[in-house]
PDB file of N, CA and C in Angstrom:
ATOM      1  N   UNK A   1     -83.364 180.398   5.359  1.00  0.00           N
ATOM      2  CA  UNK A   1     -82.368 181.331   4.885  1.00  0.00           C
ATOM      3  C   UNK A   1     -81.835 180.847   3.535  1.00  0.00           C
ATOM      4  N   UNK A   2     -81.924 181.669   2.504  1.00  0.00           N
ATOM      5  CA  UNK A   2     -81.431 181.241   1.190  1.00  0.00           C
ATOM      6  C   UNK A   2     -79.922 181.063   1.197  1.00  0.00           C
ATOM      7  N   UNK A   3     -79.483 180.096   0.438  1.00  0.00           N
ATOM      8  CA  UNK A   3     -78.053 179.841   0.332  1.00  0.00           C
ATOM      9  C   UNK A   3     -77.483 180.701  -0.778  1.00  0.00           C
ATOM     10  N   UNK A   4     -76.470 181.452  -0.435  1.00  0.00           N
ATOM     11  CA  UNK A   4     -75.799 182.246  -1.456  1.00  0.00           C
ATOM     12  C   UNK A   4     -74.989 181.310  -2.334  1.00  0.00           C
ATOM     13  N   UNK A   5     -74.773 181.725  -3.556  1.00  0.00           N
ATOM     14  CA  UNK A   5     -73.966 180.931  -4.463  1.00  0.00           C
ATOM     15  C   UNK A   5     -72.544 180.928  -3.944  1.00  0.00           C
ATOM     16  N   UNK A   6     -71.965 179.748  -3.864  1.00  0.00           N
ATOM     17  CA  UNK A   6     -70.609 179.599  -3.352  1.00  0.00           C
ATOM     18  C   UNK A   6     -69.646 179.530  -4.528  1.00  0.00           C
ATOM     19  N   UNK A   7     -68.821 180.558  -4.728  1.00  0.00           N
ATOM     20  CA  UNK A   7     -67.949 180.602  -5.902  1.00  0.00           C
ATOM     21  C   UNK A   7     -66.884 179.515  -5.941  1.00  0.00           C
ATOM     22  N   UNK A   8     -66.593 178.879  -4.800  1.00  0.00           N
ATOM     23  CA  UNK A   8     -65.551 177.852  -4.773  1.00  0.00           C
ATOM     24  C   UNK A   8     -66.061 176.468  -5.167  1.00  0.00           C
ATOM     25  N   UNK A   9     -67.385 176.297  -5.240  1.00  0.00           N
ATOM     26  CA  UNK A   9     -67.940 175.012  -5.644  1.00  0.00           C
ATOM     27  C   UNK A   9     -67.931 174.986  -7.171  1.00  0.00           C
ATOM     28  N   UNK A  10     -67.217 174.030  -7.757  1.00  0.00           N
ATOM     29  CA  UNK A  10     -67.096 174.006  -9.219  1.00  0.00           C
ATOM     30  C   UNK A  10     -68.450 173.978  -9.926  1.00  0.00           C
ATOM     31  N   UNK A  11     -68.670 174.935 -10.793  1.00  0.00           N
ATOM     32  CA  UNK A  11     -69.875 174.971 -11.606  1.00  0.00           C
ATOM     33  C   UNK A  11     -71.110 175.555 -10.957  1.00  0.00           C
ATOM     34  N   UNK A  12     -71.072 175.838  -9.650  1.00  0.00           N
ATOM     35  CA  UNK A  12     -72.292 176.319  -8.986  1.00  0.00           C
ATOM     36  C   UNK A  12     -72.758 177.677  -9.516  1.00  0.00           C
ATOM     37  N   UNK A  13     -71.873 178.670  -9.679  1.00  0.00           N
ATOM     38  CA  UNK A  13     -72.371 179.954 -10.192  1.00  0.00           C
ATOM     39  C   UNK A  13     -73.022 179.831 -11.575  1.00  0.00           C
ATOM     40  N   UNK A  14     -72.426 179.067 -12.457  1.00  0.00           N
ATOM     41  CA  UNK A  14     -72.980 178.904 -13.807  1.00  0.00           C
ATOM     42  C   UNK A  14     -74.306 178.152 -13.758  1.00  0.00           C
ATOM     43  N   UNK A  15     -74.391 177.128 -12.922  1.00  0.00           N
ATOM     44  CA  UNK A  15     -75.629 176.358 -12.794  1.00  0.00           C
ATOM     45  C   UNK A  15     -76.743 177.227 -12.216  1.00  0.00           C
ATOM     46  N   UNK A  16     -76.416 178.026 -11.197  1.00  0.00           N
ATOM     47  CA  UNK A  16     -77.420 178.908 -10.585  1.00  0.00           C
ATOM     48  C   UNK A  16     -77.960 179.892 -11.621  1.00  0.00           C
ATOM     49  N   UNK A  17     -77.100 180.395 -12.490  1.00  0.00           N
ATOM     50  CA  UNK A  17     -77.553 181.321 -13.534  1.00  0.00           C
ATOM     51  C   UNK A  17     -78.435 180.629 -14.564  1.00  0.00           C
ATOM     52  N   UNK A  18     -78.095 179.394 -14.924  1.00  0.00           N
ATOM     53  CA  UNK A  18     -78.909 178.657 -15.896  1.00  0.00           C
ATOM     54  C   UNK A  18     -80.287 178.333 -15.322  1.00  0.00           C
ATOM     55  N   UNK A  19     -80.317 177.923 -14.049  1.00  0.00           N
ATOM     56  CA  UNK A  19     -81.602 177.640 -13.391  1.00  0.00           C
ATOM     57  C   UNK A  19     -82.429 178.922 -13.327  1.00  0.00           C
ATOM     58  N   UNK A  20     -81.793 180.011 -12.946  1.00  0.00           N
ATOM     59  CA  UNK A  20     -82.487 181.292 -12.853  1.00  0.00           C
ATOM     60  C   UNK A  20     -83.059 181.747 -14.181  1.00  0.00           C
ATOM     61  N   UNK A  21     -82.289 181.572 -15.244  1.00  0.00           N
ATOM     62  CA  UNK A  21     -82.766 181.954 -16.569  1.00  0.00           C
ATOM     63  C   UNK A  21     -83.956 181.103 -16.987  1.00  0.00           C
ATOM     64  N   UNK A  22     -83.906 179.810 -16.669  1.00  0.00           N
ATOM     65  CA  UNK A  22     -85.036 178.921 -16.985  1.00  0.00           C
ATOM     66  C   UNK A  22     -86.285 179.365 -16.217  1.00  0.00           C
ATOM     67  N   UNK A  23     -86.123 179.691 -14.929  1.00  0.00           N
ATOM     68  CA  UNK A  23     -87.252 180.142 -14.111  1.00  0.00           C
ATOM     69  C   UNK A  23     -87.841 181.426 -14.697  1.00  0.00           C
ATOM     70  N   UNK A  24     -86.976 182.377 -15.027  1.00  0.00           N
ATOM     71  CA  UNK A  24     -87.441 183.657 -15.574  1.00  0.00           C
ATOM     72  C   UNK A  24     -88.185 183.450 -16.901  1.00  0.00           C
ATOM     73  N   UNK A  25     -87.620 182.641 -17.776  1.00  0.00           N
ATOM     74  CA  UNK A  25     -88.244 182.387 -19.071  1.00  0.00           C
ATOM     75  C   UNK A  25     -89.638 181.786 -18.907  1.00  0.00           C
ATOM     76  N   UNK A  26     -89.749 180.780 -18.044  1.00  0.00           N
ATOM     77  CA  UNK A  26     -91.048 180.142 -17.819  1.00  0.00           C
ATOM     78  C   UNK A  26     -92.033 181.087 -17.126  1.00  0.00           C
ATOM     79  N   UNK A  27     -91.532 181.895 -16.200  1.00  0.00           N
ATOM     80  CA  UNK A  27     -92.399 182.847 -15.493  1.00  0.00           C
ATOM     81  C   UNK A  27     -92.982 183.859 -16.479  1.00  0.00           C
ATOM     82  N   UNK A  28     -92.141 184.391 -17.345  1.00  0.00           N
ATOM     83  CA  UNK A  28     -92.620 185.362 -18.326  1.00  0.00           C
ATOM     84  C   UNK A  28     -93.583 184.723 -19.321  1.00  0.00           C
ATOM     85  N   UNK A  29     -93.297 183.488 -19.705  1.00  0.00           N
ATOM     86  CA  UNK A  29     -94.178 182.769 -20.631  1.00  0.00           C
ATOM     87  C   UNK A  29     -95.563 182.568 -20.016  1.00  0.00           C
ATOM     88  N   UNK A  30     -95.609 182.326 -18.690  1.00  0.00           N
ATOM     89  CA  UNK A  30     -96.887 182.138 -17.983  1.00  0.00           C
ATOM     90  C   UNK A  30     -97.566 183.467 -17.652  1.00  0.00           C
ATOM     91  N   UNK A  31     -96.834 184.575 -17.817  1.00  0.00           N
ATOM     92  CA  UNK A  31     -97.404 185.887 -17.524  1.00  0.00           C
ATOM     93  C   UNK A  31     -97.499 186.197 -16.048  1.00  0.00           C
ATOM     94  N   UNK A  32     -96.611 185.603 -15.251  1.00  0.00           N
ATOM     95  CA  UNK A  32     -96.608 185.835 -13.810  1.00  0.00           C
ATOM     96  C   UNK A  32     -95.593 186.916 -13.441  1.00  0.00           C
ATOM     97  N   UNK A  33     -95.929 187.699 -12.420  1.00  0.00           N
ATOM     98  CA  UNK A  33     -94.956 188.631 -11.864  1.00  0.00           C
ATOM     99  C   UNK A  33     -94.084 187.865 -10.870  1.00  0.00           C
ATOM    100  N   UNK A  34     -93.010 188.495 -10.430  1.00  0.00           N
ATOM    101  CA  UNK A  34     -92.155 187.857  -9.426  1.00  0.00           C
ATOM    102  C   UNK A  34     -92.931 187.631  -8.135  1.00  0.00           C
ATOM    103  N   UNK A  35     -93.763 188.576  -7.772  1.00  0.00           N
ATOM    104  CA  UNK A  35     -94.577 188.440  -6.554  1.00  0.00           C
ATOM    105  C   UNK A  35     -95.552 187.276  -6.666  1.00  0.00           C
ATOM    106  N   UNK A  36     -96.183 187.137  -7.831  1.00  0.00           N
ATOM    107  CA  UNK A  36     -97.121 186.038  -8.031  1.00  0.00           C
ATOM    108  C   UNK A  36     -96.409 184.692  -7.998  1.00  0.00           C
ATOM    109  N   UNK A  37     -95.210 184.635  -8.548  1.00  0.00           N
ATOM    110  CA  UNK A  37     -94.447 183.387  -8.541  1.00  0.00           C
ATOM    111  C   UNK A  37     -94.094 182.973  -7.116  1.00  0.00           C
ATOM    112  N   UNK A  38     -93.805 183.938  -6.263  1.00  0.00           N
ATOM    113  CA  UNK A  38     -93.429 183.643  -4.885  1.00  0.00           C
ATOM    114  C   UNK A  38     -94.594 183.352  -3.965  1.00  0.00           C
ATOM    115  N   UNK A  39     -95.816 183.480  -4.473  1.00  0.00           N
ATOM    116  CA  UNK A  39     -97.020 183.249  -3.671  1.00  0.00           C
ATOM    117  C   UNK A  39     -97.749 182.011  -4.170  1.00  0.00           C
ATOM    118  N   UNK A  40     -98.701 181.545  -3.362  1.00  0.00           N
ATOM    119  CA  UNK A  40     -99.548 180.462  -3.858  1.00  0.00           C
ATOM    120  C   UNK A  40    -100.796 181.064  -4.485  1.00  0.00           C
ATOM    121  N   UNK A  41    -101.689 180.228  -4.962  1.00  0.00           N
ATOM    122  CA  UNK A  41    -102.885 180.714  -5.656  1.00  0.00           C
ATOM    123  C   UNK A  41    -103.806 181.529  -4.747  1.00  0.00           C
ATOM    124  N   UNK A  42    -103.707 181.304  -3.458  1.00  0.00           N
ATOM    125  CA  UNK A  42    -104.534 182.048  -2.498  1.00  0.00           C
ATOM    126  C   UNK A  42    -103.900 183.373  -2.097  1.00  0.00           C
ATOM    127  N   UNK A  43    -102.673 183.612  -2.571  1.00  0.00           N
ATOM    128  CA  UNK A  43    -102.003 184.875  -2.255  1.00  0.00           C
ATOM    129  C   UNK A  43    -101.081 184.820  -1.053  1.00  0.00           C
ATOM    130  N   UNK A  44    -100.928 183.638  -0.456  1.00  0.00           N
ATOM    131  CA  UNK A  44    -100.000 183.524   0.674  1.00  0.00           C
ATOM    132  C   UNK A  44     -98.573 183.633   0.137  1.00  0.00           C
ATOM    133  N   UNK A  45     -97.792 184.495   0.728  1.00  0.00           N
ATOM    134  CA  UNK A  45     -96.436 184.747   0.248  1.00  0.00           C
ATOM    135  C   UNK A  45     -95.467 183.741   0.866  1.00  0.00           C
ATOM    136  N   UNK A  46     -94.758 183.021   0.002  1.00  0.00           N
ATOM    137  CA  UNK A  46     -93.717 182.096   0.434  1.00  0.00           C
ATOM    138  C   UNK A  46     -92.329 182.689   0.201  1.00  0.00           C
ATOM    139  N   UNK A  47     -92.194 183.401  -0.913  1.00  0.00           N
ATOM    140  CA  UNK A  47     -90.907 184.008  -1.263  1.00  0.00           C
ATOM    141  C   UNK A  47     -91.155 185.442  -1.695  1.00  0.00           C
ATOM    142  N   UNK A  48     -90.424 186.359  -1.089  1.00  0.00           N
ATOM    143  CA  UNK A  48     -90.549 187.765  -1.452  1.00  0.00           C
ATOM    144  C   UNK A  48     -90.033 187.992  -2.870  1.00  0.00           C
ATOM    145  N   UNK A  49     -90.488 189.067  -3.472  1.00  0.00           N
ATOM    146  CA  UNK A  49     -90.089 189.431  -4.827  1.00  0.00           C
ATOM    147  C   UNK A  49     -88.553 189.497  -4.952  1.00  0.00           C
ATOM    148  N   UNK A  50     -87.901 190.025  -3.937  1.00  0.00           N
ATOM    149  CA  UNK A  50     -86.439 190.163  -3.966  1.00  0.00           C
ATOM    150  C   UNK A  50     -85.759 188.793  -4.028  1.00  0.00           C
ATOM    151  N   UNK A  51     -86.298 187.806  -3.314  1.00  0.00           N
ATOM    152  CA  UNK A  51     -85.717 186.463  -3.355  1.00  0.00           C
ATOM    153  C   UNK A  51     -85.889 185.848  -4.738  1.00  0.00           C
ATOM    154  N   UNK A  52     -87.062 186.047  -5.352  1.00  0.00           N
ATOM    155  CA  UNK A  52     -87.297 185.533  -6.701  1.00  0.00           C
ATOM    156  C   UNK A  52     -86.308 186.186  -7.662  1.00  0.00           C
ATOM    157  N   UNK A  53     -86.097 187.481  -7.525  1.00  0.00           N
ATOM    158  CA  UNK A  53     -85.131 188.188  -8.362  1.00  0.00           C
ATOM    159  C   UNK A  53     -83.735 187.601  -8.184  1.00  0.00           C
ATOM    160  N   UNK A  54     -83.346 187.343  -6.941  1.00  0.00           N
ATOM    161  CA  UNK A  54     -82.022 186.763  -6.679  1.00  0.00           C
ATOM    162  C   UNK A  54     -81.891 185.374  -7.284  1.00  0.00           C
ATOM    163  N   UNK A  55     -82.976 184.591  -7.257  1.00  0.00           N
ATOM    164  CA  UNK A  55     -82.947 183.268  -7.905  1.00  0.00           C
ATOM    165  C   UNK A  55     -82.766 183.426  -9.409  1.00  0.00           C
ATOM    166  N   UNK A  56     -83.551 184.322  -9.994  1.00  0.00           N
ATOM    167  CA  UNK A  56     -83.518 184.481 -11.441  1.00  0.00           C
ATOM    168  C   UNK A  56     -82.193 185.019 -11.956  1.00  0.00           C
ATOM    169  N   UNK A  57     -81.488 185.759 -11.134  1.00  0.00           N
ATOM    170  CA  UNK A  57     -80.198 186.322 -11.556  1.00  0.00           C
ATOM    171  C   UNK A  57     -79.015 185.476 -11.103  1.00  0.00           C
ATOM    172  N   UNK A  58     -79.278 184.358 -10.431  1.00  0.00           N
ATOM    173  CA  UNK A  58     -78.211 183.457 -10.027  1.00  0.00           C
ATOM    174  C   UNK A  58     -77.434 183.900  -8.806  1.00  0.00           C
ATOM    175  N   UNK A  59     -78.007 184.801  -8.027  1.00  0.00           N
ATOM    176  CA  UNK A  59     -77.308 185.292  -6.833  1.00  0.00           C
ATOM    177  C   UNK A  59     -77.500 184.378  -5.617  1.00  0.00           C
ATOM    178  N   UNK A  60     -78.555 183.574  -5.636  1.00  0.00           N
ATOM    179  CA  UNK A  60     -78.780 182.588  -4.581  1.00  0.00           C
ATOM    180  C   UNK A  60     -79.057 181.244  -5.223  1.00  0.00           C
ATOM    181  N   UNK A  61     -78.756 180.194  -4.483  1.00  0.00           N
ATOM    182  CA  UNK A  61     -79.061 178.841  -4.919  1.00  0.00           C
ATOM    183  C   UNK A  61     -80.345 178.415  -4.211  1.00  0.00           C
ATOM    184  N   UNK A  62     -81.444 178.246  -4.946  1.00  0.00           N
ATOM    185  CA  UNK A  62     -82.695 177.871  -4.288  1.00  0.00           C
ATOM    186  C   UNK A  62     -82.645 176.455  -3.728  1.00  0.00           C
ATOM    187  N   UNK A  63     -83.354 176.257  -2.640  1.00  0.00           N
ATOM    188  CA  UNK A  63     -83.440 174.933  -2.027  1.00  0.00           C
ATOM    189  C   UNK A  63     -84.376 174.060  -2.858  1.00  0.00           C
ATOM    190  N   UNK A  64     -84.358 172.766  -2.613  1.00  0.00           N
ATOM    191  CA  UNK A  64     -85.277 171.865  -3.323  1.00  0.00           C
ATOM    192  C   UNK A  64     -86.739 172.200  -3.043  1.00  0.00           C
ATOM    193  N   UNK A  65     -87.124 172.482  -1.783  1.00  0.00           N
ATOM    194  CA  UNK A  65     -88.522 172.877  -1.560  1.00  0.00           C
ATOM    195  C   UNK A  65     -88.899 174.154  -2.307  1.00  0.00           C
ATOM    196  N   UNK A  66     -87.967 175.110  -2.394  1.00  0.00           N
ATOM    197  CA  UNK A  66     -88.239 176.346  -3.136  1.00  0.00           C
ATOM    198  C   UNK A  66     -88.422 176.030  -4.616  1.00  0.00           C
ATOM    199  N   UNK A  67     -87.546 175.198  -5.172  1.00  0.00           N
ATOM    200  CA  UNK A  67     -87.659 174.814  -6.581  1.00  0.00           C
ATOM    201  C   UNK A  67     -88.957 174.050  -6.840  1.00  0.00           C
ATOM    202  N   UNK A  68     -89.360 173.224  -5.888  1.00  0.00           N
ATOM    203  CA  UNK A  68     -90.607 172.476  -6.027  1.00  0.00           C
ATOM    204  C   UNK A  68     -91.796 173.432  -6.090  1.00  0.00           C
ATOM    205  N   UNK A  69     -91.816 174.428  -5.216  1.00  0.00           N
ATOM    206  CA  UNK A  69     -92.886 175.426  -5.225  1.00  0.00           C
ATOM    207  C   UNK A  69     -92.894 176.184  -6.548  1.00  0.00           C
ATOM    208  N   UNK A  70     -91.724 176.608  -6.994  1.00  0.00           N
ATOM    209  CA  UNK A  70     -91.602 177.366  -8.239  1.00  0.00           C
ATOM    210  C   UNK A  70     -92.115 176.522  -9.410  1.00  0.00           C
ATOM    211  N   UNK A  71     -91.687 175.263  -9.469  1.00  0.00           N
ATOM    212  CA  UNK A  71     -92.124 174.378 -10.560  1.00  0.00           C
ATOM    213  C   UNK A  71     -93.646 174.239 -10.560  1.00  0.00           C
ATOM    214  N   UNK A  72     -94.221 174.063  -9.378  1.00  0.00           N
ATOM    215  CA  UNK A  72     -95.673 173.915  -9.268  1.00  0.00           C
ATOM    216  C   UNK A  72     -96.386 175.170  -9.760  1.00  0.00           C
ATOM    217  N   UNK A  73     -95.895 176.343  -9.371  1.00  0.00           N
ATOM    218  CA  UNK A  73     -96.505 177.609  -9.804  1.00  0.00           C
ATOM    219  C   UNK A  73     -96.363 177.819 -11.309  1.00  0.00           C
ATOM    220  N   UNK A  74     -95.289 177.250 -11.883  1.00  0.00           N
ATOM    221  CA  UNK A  74     -95.056 177.394 -13.317  1.00  0.00           C
ATOM    222  C   UNK A  74     -95.782 176.311 -14.122  1.00  0.00           C
ATOM    223  N   UNK A  75     -96.449 175.396 -13.425  1.00  0.00           N
ATOM    224  CA  UNK A  75     -97.206 174.351 -14.107  1.00  0.00           C
ATOM    225  C   UNK A  75     -96.342 173.275 -14.728  1.00  0.00           C
ATOM    226  N   UNK A  76     -95.215 173.006 -14.115  1.00  0.00           N
ATOM    227  CA  UNK A  76     -94.307 171.986 -14.618  1.00  0.00           C
ATOM    228  C   UNK A  76     -93.822 171.131 -13.458  1.00  0.00           C
ATOM    229  N   UNK A  77     -93.113 170.075 -13.765  1.00  0.00           N
ATOM    230  CA  UNK A  77     -92.550 169.239 -12.701  1.00  0.00           C
ATOM    231  C   UNK A  77     -91.144 169.737 -12.365  1.00  0.00           C
ATOM    232  N   UNK A  78     -90.681 169.353 -11.209  1.00  0.00           N
ATOM    233  CA  UNK A  78     -89.325 169.709 -10.799  1.00  0.00           C
ATOM    234  C   UNK A  78     -88.312 169.108 -11.781  1.00  0.00           C
ATOM    235  N   UNK A  79     -88.566 167.895 -12.214  1.00  0.00           N
ATOM    236  CA  UNK A  79     -87.665 167.233 -13.178  1.00  0.00           C
ATOM    237  C   UNK A  79     -87.607 168.018 -14.486  1.00  0.00           C
ATOM    238  N   UNK A  80     -88.759 168.476 -14.970  1.00  0.00           N
ATOM    239  CA  UNK A  80     -88.790 169.241 -16.219  1.00  0.00           C
ATOM    240  C   UNK A  80     -88.086 170.590 -16.052  1.00  0.00           C
ATOM    241  N   UNK A  81     -88.247 171.192 -14.880  1.00  0.00           N
ATOM    242  CA  UNK A  81     -87.606 172.477 -14.619  1.00  0.00           C
ATOM    243  C   UNK A  81     -86.086 172.366 -14.707  1.00  0.00           C
ATOM    244  N   UNK A  82     -85.555 171.229 -14.233  1.00  0.00           N
ATOM    245  CA  UNK A  82     -84.106 171.069 -14.166  1.00  0.00           C
ATOM    246  C   UNK A  82     -83.518 170.260 -15.334  1.00  0.00           C
ATOM    247  N   UNK A  83     -84.369 169.662 -16.145  1.00  0.00           N
ATOM    248  CA  UNK A  83     -83.890 168.803 -17.244  1.00  0.00           C
ATOM    249  C   UNK A  83     -82.983 169.564 -18.192  1.00  0.00           C
ATOM    250  N   UNK A  84     -81.856 168.968 -18.504  1.00  0.00           N
ATOM    251  CA  UNK A  84     -80.943 169.520 -19.491  1.00  0.00           C
ATOM    252  C   UNK A  84     -80.014 170.599 -18.997  1.00  0.00           C
ATOM    253  N   UNK A  85     -80.075 170.918 -17.729  1.00  0.00           N
ATOM    254  CA  UNK A  85     -79.184 171.949 -17.210  1.00  0.00           C
ATOM    255  C   UNK A  85     -77.861 171.334 -16.833  1.00  0.00           C
TER     256      UNK A  85
END
């Protein structure tokens, strides 16, 4: 179950939006759709398009395993995905 952004945690909404923007930017640069980003190379779906949209718009806080999958699909490391945020 995805974790919704908790407005009472200092900085969480802003951080979720920055992470989402980074994911969206890298996804578009790679030419992937939201559906492709949520799937593996074999087409197995891990995250529905709606969940990817919620991540990219900062409406949910992705888990570490979700971020790891996203980073792998984007051809980067988890550290690089989060660096500087």
